[in-house]
Amino acid sequence: MSIPHAGPGAPVDLRPESETLTEAKTLALIKDDAFEAIRMVVPKEHEVCHEHHVKGPITVQCLEGWVALSIDGDKHSLKTGQWTFVPAGAPHTITGVDNSLVLLTIIFR
């Protein structure tokens, strides 16, 4: 069964209280011709998006936890409530320092 995407103006609970980080799943919230928004679960010591790159810029917001973010070889740290961006085409890797939940937005060009 596929997960339904969010509708225009419909609120989406990114951190449902009934779900713990160990139970949570990564899910695409919306994808259209302009952008894609993903609620991404990053377990402790797990690496996602290894040296991944896309044509457009990406935003990364740590909703809960702590992740390490490598952008073109440079190391960064994002904790709960922090936000950053990845320039278009830059290789990036996200690694869970703790069990974490991030909001990833990809802008298509």
Protein backbone atom coordinates (compact mmCIF):
# COMPACT_ATOMS: atom_id res chain seq x y z
CA MET A 1 0.00 0.00 0.00
CA SER A 2 1.44 3.39 -0.92
CA ILE A 3 1.45 6.33 1.45
CA PRO A 4 -0.80 9.18 0.24
CA HIS A 5 0.93 12.49 -0.42
CA ALA A 6 -0.09 15.67 1.38
CA GLY A 7 -2.70 17.91 -0.21
CA PRO A 8 -2.45 21.68 -0.66
CA GLY A 9 -3.12 23.40 2.66
CA ALA A 10 -3.54 20.11 4.53
CA PRO A 11 -1.54 20.05 7.76
CA VAL A 12 0.88 17.16 8.15
CA ASP A 13 2.07 16.00 11.56
CA LEU A 14 5.79 15.37 11.04
CA ARG A 15 6.31 14.00 14.54
CA PRO A 16 3.21 11.99 15.46
CA GLU A 17 3.02 11.44 19.21
CA SER A 18 1.87 7.85 18.76
CA GLU A 19 5.09 6.93 16.94
CA THR A 20 8.60 6.61 18.41
CA LEU A 21 11.71 7.15 16.32
CA THR A 22 12.42 3.42 16.36
CA GLU A 23 8.93 2.79 14.91
CA ALA A 24 8.84 5.70 12.46
CA LYS A 25 9.29 5.18 8.73
CA THR A 26 10.71 7.45 6.05
CA LEU A 27 7.95 8.76 3.82
CA ALA A 28 7.57 11.09 0.86
CA LEU A 29 5.19 13.89 1.84
CA ILE A 30 4.82 15.43 -1.62
CA LYS A 31 6.51 15.23 -4.99
CA ASP A 32 5.67 17.31 -8.02
CA ASP A 33 7.56 18.93 -10.90
CA ALA A 34 9.03 21.65 -8.64
CA PHE A 35 10.07 19.88 -5.42
CA GLU A 36 9.91 16.83 -3.19
CA ALA A 37 9.54 16.84 0.61
CA ILE A 38 10.55 13.75 2.58
CA ARG A 39 10.21 12.95 6.28
CA MET A 40 13.36 10.91 6.71
CA VAL A 41 14.14 8.64 9.64
CA VAL A 42 17.88 8.33 10.30
CA PRO A 43 18.67 5.65 12.91
CA LYS A 44 21.71 6.06 15.18
CA GLU A 45 24.94 5.11 13.36
CA HIS A 46 23.03 4.58 10.09
CA GLU A 47 24.09 6.38 6.92
CA VAL A 48 21.63 7.55 4.27
CA CYS A 49 22.15 9.34 0.96
CA HIS A 50 25.79 8.19 0.78
CA GLU A 51 27.56 10.71 -1.47
CA HIS A 52 24.19 11.36 -3.12
CA HIS A 53 23.76 14.40 -5.35
CA VAL A 54 20.90 15.98 -7.28
CA LYS A 55 20.74 18.79 -9.84
CA GLY A 56 18.88 21.21 -7.55
CA PRO A 57 19.53 22.47 -4.02
CA ILE A 58 18.37 20.56 -0.95
CA THR A 59 17.27 21.79 2.47
CA VAL A 60 17.76 19.67 5.58
CA GLN A 61 15.97 20.41 8.86
CA CYS A 62 16.62 18.26 11.92
CA LEU A 63 13.21 17.80 13.54
CA GLU A 64 14.43 15.53 16.30
CA GLY A 65 17.76 14.03 17.29
CA TRP A 66 21.23 14.74 15.94
CA VAL A 67 22.70 14.03 12.50
CA ALA A 68 26.10 14.46 10.93
CA LEU A 69 25.97 15.95 7.44
CA SER A 70 28.83 15.71 5.00
CA ILE A 71 28.64 18.15 2.07
CA ASP A 72 31.31 17.73 -0.59
CA GLY A 73 33.64 16.32 2.09
CA ASP A 74 33.01 19.07 4.69
CA LYS A 75 31.56 17.81 8.00
CA HIS A 76 28.61 19.54 9.69
CA SER A 77 26.35 18.77 12.64
CA LEU A 78 22.59 19.35 12.88
CA LYS A 79 20.65 19.00 16.13
CA THR A 80 16.94 19.32 16.89
CA GLY A 81 15.54 22.55 15.43
CA GLN A 82 18.51 23.30 13.18
CA TRP A 83 18.30 23.80 9.40
CA THR A 84 20.78 24.04 6.55
CA PHE A 85 21.01 23.60 2.80
CA VAL A 86 23.08 21.60 0.34
CA PRO A 87 24.07 23.41 -2.87
CA ALA A 88 22.90 22.01 -6.20
CA GLY A 89 25.03 19.08 -7.35
CA ALA A 90 27.05 18.76 -4.12
CA PRO A 91 27.61 15.18 -2.94
CA HIS A 92 26.18 14.70 0.55
CA THR A 93 25.78 12.03 3.22
CA ILE A 94 23.54 12.06 6.30
CA THR A 95 24.50 9.92 9.31
CA GLY A 96 22.55 9.48 12.54
CA VAL A 97 24.54 10.48 15.60
CA ASP A 98 21.36 9.70 17.58
CA ASN A 99 18.06 8.27 16.34
CA SER A 100 16.84 11.22 14.28
CA LEU A 101 14.04 12.60 12.18
CA VAL A 102 14.77 15.12 9.41
CA LEU A 103 12.74 17.01 6.85
CA LEU A 104 14.51 16.88 3.50
CA THR A 105 13.33 19.11 0.65
CA ILE A 106 14.72 18.69 -2.86
CA ILE A 107 14.21 21.56 -5.31
CA PHE A 108 14.04 20.38 -8.91
CA ARG A 109 15.40 22.48 -11.73
